[in-house]
Amino acid sequence: MDNRSGTDTETREDQVDLTLATRAVGDRIVVEVSGEIDVYTAPKLRDKITELVGAGVYEIVIDMEGVEFLDSTGLGVLVGGLKKVRAHGGSLSLVCTQDRLLKIFQITGLSKVFAIHDSPEAALGS
């Protein structure tokens, strides 16, 4: 029975996934995020932001159009990333058009903290 429980846990974690793809546009990096940003996957996004800042990238756009779910841990990672880039005079902008995610930013007051755009092009133009 214990082995079966372990297998079920592994299957559940395999389904909860986050994929990140980055592309450079001038001096900015767009990070395209797909999947769920939650307590299990948020460290992957945090590590990517930390890696970019460590490499001297302080202008970051997080494209959240492929995000299906966002919890408080994910919000914390985004706020932490914003603090990291601002410490170097940079910015972290979000691309988000999904009502369910926009509501989270509005309810938490973070819609006033982050620059939220309709498209990566709009974010890059700001």
N, C-alpha and C. Protein backbone atom coordinates (compact mmCIF):
# COMPACT_ATOMS: atom_id res chain seq x y z
N MET A 1 0.80 -1.19 0.00
CA MET A 1 0.00 0.00 0.00
C MET A 1 0.85 1.27 0.00
N ASP A 2 1.95 1.25 0.75
CA ASP A 2 2.79 2.43 0.80
C ASP A 2 3.34 2.79 -0.57
N ASN A 3 3.74 1.78 -1.34
CA ASN A 3 4.26 2.04 -2.68
C ASN A 3 3.19 2.66 -3.57
N ARG A 4 1.96 2.17 -3.42
CA ARG A 4 0.88 2.71 -4.23
C ARG A 4 0.64 4.18 -3.88
N SER A 5 0.67 4.50 -2.59
CA SER A 5 0.49 5.90 -2.18
C SER A 5 1.59 6.78 -2.75
N GLY A 6 2.83 6.27 -2.74
CA GLY A 6 3.93 7.03 -3.31
C GLY A 6 3.73 7.29 -4.78
N THR A 7 3.21 6.29 -5.48
CA THR A 7 2.96 6.43 -6.91
C THR A 7 1.88 7.48 -7.16
N ASP A 8 0.83 7.45 -6.36
CA ASP A 8 -0.25 8.44 -6.53
C ASP A 8 0.27 9.85 -6.32
N THR A 9 1.14 10.02 -5.33
CA THR A 9 1.72 11.33 -5.06
C THR A 9 2.57 11.79 -6.24
N GLU A 10 3.37 10.88 -6.78
CA GLU A 10 4.20 11.23 -7.92
C GLU A 10 3.35 11.62 -9.12
N THR A 11 2.26 10.89 -9.36
CA THR A 11 1.37 11.21 -10.47
C THR A 11 0.78 12.60 -10.29
N ARG A 12 0.34 12.92 -9.08
CA ARG A 12 -0.26 14.23 -8.82
C ARG A 12 0.76 15.33 -9.08
N GLU A 13 1.99 15.15 -8.63
CA GLU A 13 3.01 16.17 -8.83
C GLU A 13 3.38 16.32 -10.30
N ASP A 14 3.33 15.20 -11.05
CA ASP A 14 3.62 15.27 -12.47
C ASP A 14 2.58 16.12 -13.20
N GLN A 15 1.34 16.09 -12.74
CA GLN A 15 0.27 16.85 -13.39
C GLN A 15 0.37 18.33 -13.08
N VAL A 16 0.90 18.68 -11.91
CA VAL A 16 1.06 20.07 -11.51
C VAL A 16 2.40 20.53 -12.06
N ASP A 17 2.37 21.22 -13.19
CA ASP A 17 3.62 21.56 -13.83
C ASP A 17 3.65 23.01 -14.24
N LEU A 18 4.84 23.49 -14.45
CA LEU A 18 5.06 24.87 -14.87
C LEU A 18 6.16 24.84 -15.91
N THR A 19 5.90 25.46 -17.04
CA THR A 19 6.94 25.56 -18.05
C THR A 19 7.29 27.03 -18.25
N LEU A 20 8.57 27.26 -18.46
CA LEU A 20 9.09 28.61 -18.64
C LEU A 20 9.88 28.65 -19.94
N ALA A 21 9.64 29.67 -20.73
CA ALA A 21 10.42 29.90 -21.95
C ALA A 21 10.83 31.37 -21.94
N THR A 22 12.08 31.63 -22.25
CA THR A 22 12.55 33.02 -22.25
C THR A 22 12.99 33.42 -23.64
N ARG A 23 12.79 34.71 -23.92
CA ARG A 23 13.29 35.27 -25.18
C ARG A 23 13.72 36.70 -24.92
N ALA A 24 14.81 37.07 -25.56
CA ALA A 24 15.34 38.42 -25.40
C ALA A 24 14.72 39.33 -26.45
N VAL A 25 14.34 40.53 -26.01
CA VAL A 25 13.86 41.58 -26.91
C VAL A 25 14.61 42.84 -26.50
N GLY A 26 15.68 43.14 -27.24
CA GLY A 26 16.53 44.26 -26.85
C GLY A 26 17.20 43.95 -25.52
N ASP A 27 17.08 44.88 -24.58
CA ASP A 27 17.69 44.67 -23.25
C ASP A 27 16.71 44.05 -22.27
N ARG A 28 15.55 43.64 -22.76
CA ARG A 28 14.54 43.02 -21.90
C ARG A 28 14.43 41.53 -22.19
N ILE A 29 13.95 40.83 -21.18
CA ILE A 29 13.69 39.40 -21.32
C ILE A 29 12.20 39.18 -21.08
N VAL A 30 11.57 38.43 -21.98
CA VAL A 30 10.19 38.01 -21.80
C VAL A 30 10.23 36.56 -21.31
N VAL A 31 9.59 36.31 -20.18
CA VAL A 31 9.48 34.97 -19.63
C VAL A 31 8.04 34.52 -19.86
N GLU A 32 7.86 33.56 -20.76
CA GLU A 32 6.53 33.02 -21.03
C GLU A 32 6.28 31.88 -20.06
N VAL A 33 5.22 32.03 -19.27
CA VAL A 33 4.90 31.07 -18.22
C VAL A 33 3.64 30.31 -18.60
N SER A 34 3.68 29.00 -18.50
CA SER A 34 2.51 28.16 -18.78
C SER A 34 2.33 27.16 -17.66
N GLY A 35 1.08 26.90 -17.31
CA GLY A 35 0.77 25.91 -16.28
C GLY A 35 0.24 26.57 -15.03
N GLU A 36 0.62 26.01 -13.91
CA GLU A 36 0.13 26.47 -12.62
C GLU A 36 1.29 27.03 -11.79
N ILE A 37 1.06 28.21 -11.21
CA ILE A 37 2.05 28.80 -10.30
C ILE A 37 1.50 28.62 -8.90
N ASP A 38 1.99 27.60 -8.21
CA ASP A 38 1.50 27.30 -6.87
C ASP A 38 2.67 26.95 -5.95
N VAL A 39 2.35 26.46 -4.78
CA VAL A 39 3.38 26.17 -3.78
C VAL A 39 4.42 25.18 -4.29
N TYR A 40 4.02 24.29 -5.21
CA TYR A 40 4.96 23.28 -5.73
C TYR A 40 5.84 23.83 -6.85
N THR A 41 5.27 24.71 -7.68
CA THR A 41 5.97 25.14 -8.88
C THR A 41 6.57 26.54 -8.79
N ALA A 42 6.11 27.34 -7.86
CA ALA A 42 6.59 28.72 -7.75
C ALA A 42 8.11 28.83 -7.60
N PRO A 43 8.77 27.92 -6.89
CA PRO A 43 10.24 28.02 -6.78
C PRO A 43 10.93 28.01 -8.15
N LYS A 44 10.36 27.32 -9.11
CA LYS A 44 10.95 27.28 -10.46
C LYS A 44 10.94 28.68 -11.08
N LEU A 45 9.84 29.41 -10.92
CA LEU A 45 9.76 30.78 -11.42
C LEU A 45 10.69 31.70 -10.63
N ARG A 46 10.71 31.54 -9.32
CA ARG A 46 11.60 32.35 -8.48
C ARG A 46 13.06 32.15 -8.90
N ASP A 47 13.45 30.90 -9.13
CA ASP A 47 14.82 30.61 -9.53
C ASP A 47 15.16 31.25 -10.88
N LYS A 48 14.20 31.25 -11.81
CA LYS A 48 14.43 31.86 -13.13
C LYS A 48 14.63 33.37 -12.99
N ILE A 49 13.79 34.01 -12.19
CA ILE A 49 13.92 35.46 -11.98
C ILE A 49 15.26 35.76 -11.31
N THR A 50 15.62 34.99 -10.30
CA THR A 50 16.90 35.17 -9.60
C THR A 50 18.07 34.99 -10.56
N GLU A 51 17.98 33.99 -11.42
CA GLU A 51 19.03 33.72 -12.41
C GLU A 51 19.17 34.92 -13.37
N LEU A 52 18.05 35.46 -13.83
CA LEU A 52 18.10 36.60 -14.75
C LEU A 52 18.71 37.83 -14.09
N VAL A 53 18.26 38.12 -12.87
CA VAL A 53 18.80 39.29 -12.15
C VAL A 53 20.29 39.09 -11.89
N GLY A 54 20.67 37.87 -11.53
CA GLY A 54 22.08 37.56 -11.31
C GLY A 54 22.93 37.76 -12.56
N ALA A 55 22.29 37.60 -13.72
CA ALA A 55 22.99 37.79 -15.00
C ALA A 55 22.93 39.24 -15.48
N GLY A 56 22.38 40.12 -14.64
CA GLY A 56 22.34 41.54 -14.99
C GLY A 56 21.13 41.97 -15.79
N VAL A 57 20.08 41.13 -15.83
CA VAL A 57 18.84 41.50 -16.52
C VAL A 57 17.89 42.12 -15.49
N TYR A 58 17.57 43.39 -15.69
CA TYR A 58 16.72 44.09 -14.73
C TYR A 58 15.41 44.58 -15.34
N GLU A 59 15.20 44.28 -16.61
CA GLU A 59 13.95 44.62 -17.30
C GLU A 59 13.32 43.30 -17.73
N ILE A 60 12.29 42.88 -16.98
CA ILE A 60 11.69 41.56 -17.20
C ILE A 60 10.19 41.72 -17.44
N VAL A 61 9.70 40.98 -18.43
CA VAL A 61 8.26 40.89 -18.69
C VAL A 61 7.85 39.45 -18.43
N ILE A 62 6.88 39.25 -17.55
CA ILE A 62 6.35 37.93 -17.27
C ILE A 62 5.04 37.79 -18.05
N ASP A 63 5.05 36.93 -19.07
CA ASP A 63 3.86 36.69 -19.90
C ASP A 63 3.08 35.55 -19.26
N MET A 64 1.93 35.89 -18.67
CA MET A 64 1.13 34.93 -17.91
C MET A 64 -0.07 34.40 -18.70
N GLU A 65 -0.07 34.58 -20.00
CA GLU A 65 -1.23 34.16 -20.80
C GLU A 65 -1.46 32.65 -20.74
N GLY A 66 -0.43 31.87 -20.49
CA GLY A 66 -0.58 30.42 -20.40
C GLY A 66 -0.78 29.90 -18.99
N VAL A 67 -0.94 30.81 -18.02
CA VAL A 67 -1.09 30.40 -16.62
C VAL A 67 -2.55 30.00 -16.36
N GLU A 68 -2.71 28.81 -15.82
CA GLU A 68 -4.04 28.29 -15.53
C GLU A 68 -4.47 28.54 -14.09
N PHE A 69 -3.48 28.70 -13.19
CA PHE A 69 -3.77 28.84 -11.77
C PHE A 69 -2.65 29.63 -11.11
N LEU A 70 -3.01 30.47 -10.14
CA LEU A 70 -2.04 31.28 -9.41
C LEU A 70 -2.48 31.32 -7.95
N ASP A 71 -1.58 30.94 -7.03
CA ASP A 71 -1.93 31.03 -5.61
C ASP A 71 -1.05 32.08 -4.92
N SER A 72 -1.19 32.17 -3.61
CA SER A 72 -0.47 33.20 -2.85
C SER A 72 1.04 33.02 -2.92
N THR A 73 1.50 31.79 -3.04
CA THR A 73 2.94 31.55 -3.17
C THR A 73 3.44 32.16 -4.48
N GLY A 74 2.68 31.97 -5.54
CA GLY A 74 3.02 32.56 -6.83
C GLY A 74 3.03 34.07 -6.77
N LEU A 75 2.05 34.65 -6.09
CA LEU A 75 2.03 36.11 -5.93
C LEU A 75 3.28 36.58 -5.19
N GLY A 76 3.66 35.84 -4.16
CA GLY A 76 4.86 36.18 -3.39
C GLY A 76 6.11 36.15 -4.25
N VAL A 77 6.20 35.19 -5.15
CA VAL A 77 7.36 35.10 -6.05
C VAL A 77 7.39 36.32 -6.98
N LEU A 78 6.23 36.72 -7.50
CA LEU A 78 6.18 37.89 -8.38
C LEU A 78 6.56 39.16 -7.63
N VAL A 79 6.06 39.32 -6.41
CA VAL A 79 6.42 40.50 -5.60
C VAL A 79 7.92 40.48 -5.29
N GLY A 80 8.44 39.32 -4.94
CA GLY A 80 9.88 39.20 -4.67
C GLY A 80 10.71 39.53 -5.88
N GLY A 81 10.26 39.08 -7.05
CA GLY A 81 10.96 39.41 -8.30
C GLY A 81 10.94 40.89 -8.59
N LEU A 82 9.80 41.52 -8.32
CA LEU A 82 9.69 42.97 -8.51
C LEU A 82 10.68 43.71 -7.61
N LYS A 83 10.79 43.28 -6.37
CA LYS A 83 11.73 43.90 -5.44
C LYS A 83 13.16 43.73 -5.92
N LYS A 84 13.49 42.54 -6.45
CA LYS A 84 14.86 42.29 -6.92
C LYS A 84 15.23 43.21 -8.07
N VAL A 85 14.33 43.36 -9.05
CA VAL A 85 14.69 44.21 -10.20
C VAL A 85 14.67 45.68 -9.83
N ARG A 86 13.76 46.08 -8.95
CA ARG A 86 13.70 47.50 -8.53
C ARG A 86 14.95 47.89 -7.75
N ALA A 87 15.55 46.93 -7.04
CA ALA A 87 16.78 47.22 -6.30
C ALA A 87 17.91 47.62 -7.24
N HIS A 88 17.76 47.28 -8.53
CA HIS A 88 18.75 47.63 -9.54
C HIS A 88 18.22 48.68 -10.52
N GLY A 89 17.12 49.33 -10.14
CA GLY A 89 16.54 50.35 -11.00
C GLY A 89 15.75 49.80 -12.17
N GLY A 90 15.39 48.52 -12.10
CA GLY A 90 14.69 47.87 -13.20
C GLY A 90 13.19 47.79 -12.99
N SER A 91 12.55 47.00 -13.85
CA SER A 91 11.10 46.82 -13.75
C SER A 91 10.71 45.39 -14.09
N LEU A 92 9.60 44.97 -13.53
CA LEU A 92 9.01 43.68 -13.83
C LEU A 92 7.56 43.94 -14.20
N SER A 93 7.23 43.71 -15.46
CA SER A 93 5.88 43.93 -15.96
C SER A 93 5.20 42.59 -16.18
N LEU A 94 3.88 42.60 -16.12
CA LEU A 94 3.11 41.38 -16.34
C LEU A 94 2.25 41.51 -17.59
N VAL A 95 2.05 40.40 -18.29
CA VAL A 95 1.09 40.31 -19.38
C VAL A 95 0.01 39.36 -18.89
N CYS A 96 -1.21 39.89 -18.77
CA CYS A 96 -2.32 39.09 -18.25
C CYS A 96 -3.63 39.67 -18.74
N THR A 97 -4.44 38.83 -19.39
CA THR A 97 -5.76 39.26 -19.84
C THR A 97 -6.87 38.38 -19.27
N GLN A 98 -6.51 37.37 -18.51
CA GLN A 98 -7.49 36.43 -17.97
C GLN A 98 -8.19 37.04 -16.75
N ASP A 99 -9.50 37.12 -16.83
CA ASP A 99 -10.28 37.74 -15.75
C ASP A 99 -10.03 37.10 -14.40
N ARG A 100 -9.93 35.76 -14.34
CA ARG A 100 -9.76 35.10 -13.05
C ARG A 100 -8.43 35.47 -12.40
N LEU A 101 -7.40 35.70 -13.20
CA LEU A 101 -6.11 36.12 -12.65
C LEU A 101 -6.12 37.60 -12.33
N LEU A 102 -6.72 38.40 -13.21
CA LEU A 102 -6.79 39.84 -12.95
C LEU A 102 -7.53 40.14 -11.65
N LYS A 103 -8.56 39.36 -11.35
CA LYS A 103 -9.31 39.54 -10.10
C LYS A 103 -8.40 39.33 -8.90
N ILE A 104 -7.51 38.35 -8.98
CA ILE A 104 -6.57 38.10 -7.88
C ILE A 104 -5.70 39.33 -7.65
N PHE A 105 -5.20 39.93 -8.73
CA PHE A 105 -4.37 41.12 -8.58
C PHE A 105 -5.18 42.30 -8.04
N GLN A 106 -6.43 42.42 -8.46
CA GLN A 106 -7.28 43.51 -7.98
C GLN A 106 -7.63 43.35 -6.51
N ILE A 107 -8.04 42.14 -6.11
CA ILE A 107 -8.43 41.87 -4.73
C ILE A 107 -7.27 42.10 -3.77
N THR A 108 -6.07 41.72 -4.18
CA THR A 108 -4.90 41.85 -3.30
C THR A 108 -4.29 43.24 -3.35
N GLY A 109 -4.76 44.08 -4.26
CA GLY A 109 -4.19 45.41 -4.41
C GLY A 109 -2.93 45.44 -5.26
N LEU A 110 -2.53 44.29 -5.76
CA LEU A 110 -1.29 44.22 -6.54
C LEU A 110 -1.45 44.78 -7.96
N SER A 111 -2.69 45.02 -8.37
CA SER A 111 -2.89 45.65 -9.68
C SER A 111 -2.37 47.08 -9.67
N LYS A 112 -2.20 47.65 -8.48
CA LYS A 112 -1.64 49.01 -8.35
C LYS A 112 -0.12 48.97 -8.23
N VAL A 113 0.42 47.79 -7.96
CA VAL A 113 1.86 47.63 -7.77
C VAL A 113 2.54 47.24 -9.08
N PHE A 114 1.90 46.33 -9.82
CA PHE A 114 2.46 45.84 -11.08
C PHE A 114 1.90 46.60 -12.27
N ALA A 115 2.73 46.78 -13.28
CA ALA A 115 2.26 47.24 -14.58
C ALA A 115 1.74 45.99 -15.29
N ILE A 116 0.42 45.95 -15.54
CA ILE A 116 -0.20 44.79 -16.19
C ILE A 116 -0.65 45.20 -17.58
N HIS A 117 -0.20 44.44 -18.57
CA HIS A 117 -0.46 44.77 -19.97
C HIS A 117 -1.26 43.67 -20.66
N ASP A 118 -1.83 44.03 -21.82
CA ASP A 118 -2.65 43.10 -22.61
C ASP A 118 -1.83 42.20 -23.52
N SER A 119 -0.60 42.58 -23.80
CA SER A 119 0.23 41.79 -24.72
C SER A 119 1.70 42.03 -24.41
N PRO A 120 2.56 41.10 -24.82
CA PRO A 120 3.99 41.33 -24.62
C PRO A 120 4.47 42.59 -25.34
N GLU A 121 3.90 42.87 -26.51
CA GLU A 121 4.30 44.07 -27.26
C GLU A 121 3.97 45.34 -26.48
N ALA A 122 2.78 45.36 -25.85
CA ALA A 122 2.40 46.52 -25.04
C ALA A 122 3.35 46.68 -23.83
N ALA A 123 3.71 45.55 -23.22
CA ALA A 123 4.62 45.61 -22.08
C ALA A 123 6.00 46.08 -22.50
N LEU A 124 6.45 45.63 -23.67
CA LEU A 124 7.77 46.02 -24.16
C LEU A 124 7.81 47.48 -24.61
N GLY A 125 6.65 47.98 -25.01
CA GLY A 125 6.58 49.37 -25.44
C GLY A 125 6.50 50.38 -24.32
N SER A 126 6.26 49.89 -23.11
CA SER A 126 6.11 50.82 -21.97
C SER A 126 7.44 51.22 -21.38
